[in-house]
Protein backbone atom coordinates (compact mmCIF):
# COMPACT_ATOMS: atom_id res chain seq x y z
CA MET A 1 99.27 117.22 112.84
CA ILE A 2 102.45 119.04 113.82
CA ALA A 3 105.47 119.07 111.52
CA SER A 4 107.53 116.59 113.54
CA ASP A 5 104.65 114.07 113.47
CA SER A 6 104.54 114.36 109.70
CA SER A 7 108.31 114.03 109.50
CA ASP A 8 108.27 110.95 111.75
CA ALA A 9 105.54 109.37 109.66
CA SER A 10 107.46 110.10 106.45
CA ALA A 11 110.55 108.50 107.97
CA ARG A 12 108.55 105.38 108.87
CA VAL A 13 107.25 105.20 105.30
CA LEU A 14 110.78 105.56 103.92
CA ASP A 15 112.09 102.88 106.30
CA ALA A 16 109.41 100.41 105.26
CA ALA A 17 109.82 101.21 101.58
CA GLU A 18 113.58 100.78 101.78
CA GLN A 19 113.28 97.33 103.32
CA LEU A 20 110.69 96.24 100.75
CA PHE A 21 112.70 97.60 97.79
CA ILE A 22 115.80 95.78 99.07
CA GLN A 23 113.91 92.51 99.59
CA HIS A 24 111.76 92.49 96.45
CA GLY A 25 113.10 95.09 94.02
CA TYR A 26 111.50 98.29 92.79
CA ALA A 27 109.24 96.70 90.18
CA ALA A 28 107.71 94.19 92.59
CA VAL A 29 106.84 96.69 95.32
CA THR A 30 103.61 98.64 95.04
CA LEU A 31 102.24 101.44 97.15
CA ARG A 32 99.71 98.93 98.44
CA THR A 33 102.57 96.66 99.55
CA ILE A 34 104.15 99.53 101.47
CA ALA A 35 100.83 100.63 102.97
CA ASP A 36 100.03 97.07 104.07
CA ALA A 37 103.45 96.73 105.73
CA LEU A 38 102.73 99.92 107.69
CA GLY A 39 99.12 99.06 108.50
CA MET A 40 97.80 102.14 106.74
CA ARG A 41 95.61 102.90 103.76
CA GLN A 42 97.33 103.23 100.41
CA ALA A 43 95.78 106.67 99.91
CA SER A 44 97.55 107.86 103.07
CA LEU A 45 100.92 107.45 101.37
CA TYR A 46 99.96 110.20 98.94
CA TYR A 47 99.84 112.66 101.84
CA HIS A 48 103.60 112.24 102.27
CA PHE A 49 104.48 111.45 98.65
CA PRO A 50 101.81 113.01 96.41
CA GLU A 51 103.60 112.01 93.21
CA GLY A 52 103.56 108.33 94.15
CA LYS A 53 106.01 105.47 94.09
CA GLU A 54 108.73 107.15 92.04
CA GLN A 55 108.84 110.17 94.37
CA LEU A 56 108.96 107.86 97.38
CA PHE A 57 111.81 105.86 95.85
CA VAL A 58 113.82 108.99 95.01
CA ALA A 59 113.33 110.32 98.56
CA MET A 60 114.41 106.99 100.00
CA ALA A 61 117.49 106.79 97.77
CA THR A 62 118.43 110.42 98.47
CA ARG A 63 118.13 109.83 102.21
CA SER A 64 120.34 106.74 101.96
CA LEU A 65 122.99 108.52 99.90
CA ASN A 66 123.00 111.51 102.26
CA ALA A 67 123.58 109.14 105.18
CA ILE A 68 126.68 107.74 103.46
CA GLY A 69 128.21 111.09 102.54
């Protein structure tokens, strides 16, 4: 996989996670929920976010804040 493919996939994960966190809140959203929304295996999320849900949330929040400022 080339770097841009990985970056595009990470962006898709962040987009899906953001929508789910907005709709359901952090506590209610699991990695399985995100994976199901993307049609991928839960384990595949760890390729992009090896530390799990918290790392994914921080990346999503950082991306959103950077877009504002």
